[in-house]
Amino acid sequence: MLVLLPPSETKADGGDGPPLDLDSLAFPELTPVRRKLAEALVDLAADVPASLTALGITERQADEVARNTELWTSPTMPGLRRYTGVLYDALDLKSFRKPALEKAKRRLAVASALFGVVSGTDRIPAYRLSGGSSLPALGTIRSLWKPTLEPVLRGIDGLVVDLRSGTYAALAKLRPDAVTVRVVTEDAAGNRTTVSHFNKAYKGKLAAVLARSPRDPSTVDQLLTVVSRAGLRVERTGEYSLELLTGD
């Protein structure tokens, strides 16, 4: 089983690993596009105003451009520790004991505008680039990734659980039998809506459940059993689609 998580705009600082080595990352088929994007991002970082525009950030976030300047030289850390925010707080990787942590590293991967997809153990630096961005020298991130990333992700064996956000799902389609999960909040009248904060938090909770599961579920029914036994409310809404309800 592989669970695909969305990334986060925020990244942890620092790291204790060596500088970025693209050849060490999982899914080596993605290396040429990764290298092209990394080189373009570093070149763009030399022009701060152009970087701010391309990245969709303000002058108060100029330190994000500085991160891109140091992309090849800054320290690295495993992807699952680099990304931060609501989803990753809910995942709470720090609470995992060693056996669960090893499963998480194997079962969880993160979608990435810069790297396409990052495995749990891939060592990456802090950076700033979003899936909806467009770089002056290369065009849109989507146009760059789709031809290369899509066949790689569609070729993953076993059960795939897609928790990516819409922006990152647009970078590459998965197999038709990949399981999609919609997080919904139900009001007193029974109406269901998606609330951003709860969406991220519950995806993190779901990822933690799946990472800790004693066995890898291989079917949707087995997946439902694992999630339900963990106390989360989940309903099947299609052959390969689920709704995860927030609240008790």
Protein backbone atom coordinates (compact mmCIF):
# COMPACT_ATOMS: atom_id res chain seq x y z
CA MET A 1 0.00 0.00 0.00
CA LEU A 2 1.13 3.52 -0.79
CA VAL A 3 -0.58 6.60 0.66
CA LEU A 4 0.01 9.78 -1.33
CA LEU A 5 -0.07 12.90 0.86
CA PRO A 6 -0.24 16.53 -0.23
CA PRO A 7 2.83 18.64 0.60
CA SER A 8 2.77 21.81 2.66
CA GLU A 9 3.86 25.34 1.82
CA THR A 10 5.66 25.43 5.17
CA LYS A 11 8.83 23.40 5.64
CA ALA A 12 10.93 22.65 8.71
CA ASP A 13 14.25 24.48 8.91
CA GLY A 14 17.66 22.89 8.96
CA GLY A 15 18.47 19.22 8.75
CA ASP A 16 21.35 16.88 9.49
CA GLY A 17 21.74 15.25 6.09
CA PRO A 18 24.17 15.98 3.25
CA PRO A 19 23.26 18.40 0.43
CA LEU A 20 20.63 17.38 -2.10
CA ASP A 21 21.57 14.39 -4.24
CA LEU A 22 18.89 13.83 -6.86
CA ASP A 23 20.33 10.44 -7.75
CA SER A 24 19.59 9.18 -4.23
CA LEU A 25 15.85 9.88 -4.40
CA ALA A 26 13.19 7.26 -5.02
CA PHE A 27 11.58 7.03 -8.46
CA PRO A 28 14.76 7.73 -10.48
CA GLU A 29 12.68 8.11 -13.65
CA LEU A 30 11.81 11.57 -12.33
CA THR A 31 15.42 12.75 -12.02
CA PRO A 32 15.66 14.67 -15.33
CA VAL A 33 12.60 16.80 -14.55
CA ARG A 34 13.71 17.25 -10.94
CA ARG A 35 17.09 18.52 -12.13
CA LYS A 36 15.55 20.87 -14.68
CA LEU A 37 13.21 22.35 -12.06
CA ALA A 38 15.90 22.65 -9.38
CA GLU A 39 18.30 24.43 -11.71
CA ALA A 40 15.57 26.81 -12.93
CA LEU A 41 14.48 27.54 -9.35
CA VAL A 42 18.03 28.37 -8.25
CA ASP A 43 18.57 30.61 -11.30
CA LEU A 44 15.27 32.38 -10.64
CA ALA A 45 16.24 32.97 -7.00
CA ALA A 46 18.96 35.35 -8.17
CA ASP A 47 16.16 37.76 -9.11
CA VAL A 48 14.17 38.27 -5.91
CA PRO A 49 11.30 40.33 -7.38
CA ALA A 50 10.81 37.82 -10.20
CA SER A 51 10.91 34.98 -7.69
CA LEU A 52 8.27 36.62 -5.49
CA THR A 53 6.00 36.99 -8.51
CA ALA A 54 6.52 33.47 -9.83
CA LEU A 55 6.07 31.89 -6.40
CA GLY A 56 3.05 34.03 -5.52
CA ILE A 57 4.53 35.32 -2.27
CA THR A 58 5.15 38.78 -0.76
CA GLU A 59 8.29 40.69 0.18
CA ARG A 60 7.78 39.60 3.78
CA GLN A 61 8.40 36.03 2.57
CA ALA A 62 11.69 36.81 0.84
CA ASP A 63 13.40 34.26 3.10
CA GLU A 64 11.60 31.62 1.04
CA VAL A 65 13.56 32.82 -1.99
CA ALA A 66 16.76 32.53 0.04
CA ARG A 67 15.92 28.87 0.64
CA ASN A 68 15.77 28.32 -3.11
CA THR A 69 19.13 30.06 -3.53
CA GLU A 70 20.68 27.40 -1.27
CA LEU A 71 18.86 24.43 -2.77
CA TRP A 72 22.05 22.55 -3.73
CA THR A 73 24.02 23.37 -0.57
CA SER A 74 21.62 23.42 2.39
CA PRO A 75 21.25 20.41 4.72
CA THR A 76 18.56 17.82 4.07
CA MET A 77 16.16 15.75 6.16
CA PRO A 78 13.64 12.97 5.36
CA GLY A 79 10.60 14.21 3.48
CA LEU A 80 8.14 13.15 6.16
CA ARG A 81 9.93 15.45 8.61
CA ARG A 82 10.52 18.31 6.21
CA TYR A 83 6.84 19.09 5.57
CA THR A 84 4.93 20.80 8.38
CA GLY A 85 1.48 22.23 9.08
CA VAL A 86 -1.95 20.95 10.10
CA LEU A 87 -1.83 17.62 8.25
CA TYR A 88 1.65 16.76 9.50
CA ASP A 89 0.82 17.84 13.04
CA ALA A 90 -2.10 15.40 12.95
CA LEU A 91 0.12 12.67 11.49
CA ASP A 92 2.35 13.24 14.55
CA LEU A 93 5.33 11.29 13.32
CA LYS A 94 7.23 12.05 16.53
CA SER A 95 4.85 9.78 18.45
CA PHE A 96 5.64 6.75 16.27
CA ARG A 97 7.71 4.01 17.81
CA LYS A 98 10.36 2.40 15.65
CA PRO A 99 8.24 -0.40 14.08
CA ALA A 100 5.46 2.06 13.15
CA LEU A 101 8.00 4.57 11.90
CA GLU A 102 9.49 2.01 9.55
CA LYS A 103 6.04 1.25 8.17
CA ALA A 104 5.35 4.96 7.74
CA LYS A 105 8.55 5.43 5.76
CA ARG A 106 7.53 2.59 3.47
CA ARG A 107 3.83 3.37 3.11
CA LEU A 108 3.71 7.18 2.99
CA ALA A 109 4.85 9.42 0.15
CA VAL A 110 4.40 13.14 -0.45
CA ALA A 111 3.44 14.85 -3.69
CA SER A 112 5.87 17.64 -4.56
CA ALA A 113 6.01 20.43 -7.11
CA LEU A 114 9.81 20.24 -7.15
CA PHE A 115 10.40 16.49 -6.84
CA GLY A 116 7.19 15.01 -8.27
CA VAL A 117 6.81 12.62 -5.37
CA VAL A 118 8.97 12.17 -2.27
CA SER A 119 9.27 8.89 -0.38
CA GLY A 120 9.27 8.89 3.40
CA THR A 121 13.05 8.47 3.52
CA ASP A 122 14.08 10.78 0.66
CA ARG A 123 16.36 13.46 2.05
CA ILE A 124 15.38 16.88 0.73
CA PRO A 125 16.20 20.51 1.55
CA ALA A 126 13.74 23.24 2.46
CA TYR A 127 12.38 24.94 -0.66
CA ARG A 128 9.49 27.00 -1.98
CA LEU A 129 7.54 25.95 -5.07
CA SER A 130 3.84 25.21 -5.45
CA GLY A 131 2.01 22.89 -7.81
CA GLY A 132 0.11 25.80 -9.29
CA SER A 133 3.23 27.86 -10.02
CA SER A 134 4.71 28.77 -13.37
CA LEU A 135 8.44 29.41 -13.84
CA PRO A 136 9.51 31.94 -16.46
CA ALA A 137 12.06 29.59 -18.01
CA LEU A 138 9.94 26.44 -18.01
CA GLY A 139 6.23 27.22 -17.93
CA THR A 140 3.67 25.65 -15.63
CA ILE A 141 4.60 22.96 -13.14
CA ARG A 142 1.67 20.90 -14.37
CA SER A 143 2.87 20.89 -18.01
CA LEU A 144 6.32 19.81 -16.87
CA TRP A 145 5.26 16.99 -14.60
CA LYS A 146 2.26 15.41 -16.26
CA PRO A 147 4.03 13.54 -19.10
CA THR A 148 6.68 12.07 -16.78
CA LEU A 149 5.02 11.77 -13.38
CA GLU A 150 1.75 10.23 -14.55
CA PRO A 151 3.20 6.96 -15.94
CA VAL A 152 5.38 6.59 -12.85
CA LEU A 153 2.49 6.96 -10.40
CA ARG A 154 0.16 4.81 -12.50
CA GLY A 155 2.80 2.07 -12.41
CA ILE A 156 2.88 1.76 -8.62
CA ASP A 157 1.93 -1.76 -7.50
CA GLY A 158 -0.59 -2.54 -4.79
CA LEU A 159 -3.30 -0.45 -3.20
CA VAL A 160 -2.85 3.31 -3.65
CA VAL A 161 -4.70 5.77 -1.41
CA ASP A 162 -4.83 9.27 -2.87
CA LEU A 163 -4.97 12.07 -0.28
CA ARG A 164 -3.50 14.74 -2.57
CA SER A 165 -5.14 18.13 -2.86
CA GLY A 166 -6.66 19.15 -6.18
CA THR A 167 -3.60 21.12 -7.27
CA TYR A 168 -1.33 18.12 -6.88
CA ALA A 169 -3.82 15.58 -8.20
CA ALA A 170 -3.81 17.69 -11.39
CA LEU A 171 -0.08 17.01 -11.87
CA ALA A 172 -0.71 13.33 -12.59
CA LYS A 173 -3.65 10.94 -12.73
CA LEU A 174 -3.45 7.64 -10.89
CA ARG A 175 -4.77 4.23 -11.88
CA PRO A 176 -8.57 3.97 -12.03
CA ASP A 177 -8.49 1.70 -8.97
CA ALA A 178 -6.64 4.18 -6.76
CA VAL A 179 -8.76 5.01 -3.72
CA THR A 180 -9.76 8.65 -3.32
CA VAL A 181 -10.83 10.05 0.04
CA ARG A 182 -12.98 13.14 0.57
CA VAL A 183 -13.03 14.59 4.08
CA VAL A 184 -16.44 16.06 4.91
CA THR A 185 -18.10 17.79 7.83
CA GLU A 186 -21.80 17.05 8.38
CA ASP A 187 -24.14 19.69 9.81
CA ALA A 188 -27.35 19.13 11.79
CA ALA A 189 -29.39 18.95 8.58
CA GLY A 190 -27.17 16.23 7.16
CA ASN A 191 -25.45 18.47 4.62
CA ARG A 192 -21.82 17.60 3.99
CA THR A 193 -19.14 20.13 3.10
CA THR A 194 -15.37 20.25 2.96
CA VAL A 195 -13.70 22.53 5.52
CA SER A 196 -10.02 23.19 4.80
CA HIS A 197 -8.68 22.92 8.35
CA PHE A 198 -10.61 19.72 9.13
CA ASN A 199 -9.72 18.32 5.71
CA LYS A 200 -6.01 18.57 6.44
CA ALA A 201 -6.27 17.39 10.04
CA TYR A 202 -8.32 14.31 9.22
CA LYS A 203 -6.12 13.38 6.30
CA GLY A 204 -3.25 13.44 8.77
CA LYS A 205 -5.19 11.24 11.18
CA LEU A 206 -6.05 8.82 8.38
CA ALA A 207 -2.45 8.68 7.22
CA ALA A 208 -1.36 7.85 10.78
CA VAL A 209 -3.88 5.02 11.00
CA LEU A 210 -2.76 3.55 7.69
CA ALA A 211 0.91 3.94 8.54
CA ARG A 212 0.48 2.11 11.85
CA SER A 213 -1.72 -0.72 10.52
CA PRO A 214 -0.23 -4.16 11.37
CA ARG A 215 -0.87 -5.31 7.81
CA ASP A 216 -1.06 -3.60 4.45
CA PRO A 217 -4.68 -3.57 3.25
CA SER A 218 -4.87 -4.73 -0.35
CA THR A 219 -8.55 -4.07 -1.08
CA VAL A 220 -11.01 -1.26 -0.40
CA ASP A 221 -12.94 -3.49 2.01
CA GLN A 222 -9.80 -4.18 4.01
CA LEU A 223 -9.00 -0.48 4.00
CA LEU A 224 -12.46 0.32 5.38
CA THR A 225 -11.98 -2.23 8.14
CA VAL A 226 -8.62 -0.78 9.19
CA VAL A 227 -9.95 2.78 9.28
CA SER A 228 -13.21 1.91 11.07
CA ARG A 229 -11.45 -0.15 13.74
CA ALA A 230 -9.27 2.88 14.47
CA GLY A 231 -12.39 4.86 15.38
CA LEU A 232 -12.66 7.05 12.30
CA ARG A 233 -16.04 7.39 10.55
CA VAL A 234 -15.70 6.41 6.93
CA GLU A 235 -18.27 5.57 4.25
CA ARG A 236 -17.90 4.08 0.82
CA THR A 237 -19.38 6.35 -1.84
CA GLY A 238 -18.21 4.50 -4.95
CA GLU A 239 -16.18 1.51 -6.02
CA TYR A 240 -12.93 3.34 -5.25
CA SER A 241 -14.10 6.44 -3.39
CA LEU A 242 -14.59 7.07 0.33
CA GLU A 243 -15.86 9.88 2.53
CA LEU A 244 -14.20 10.45 5.88
CA LEU A 245 -16.43 12.28 8.32
CA THR A 246 -15.05 14.71 10.87
CA GLY A 247 -16.22 14.77 14.48
CA ASP A 248 -17.18 11.92 16.79
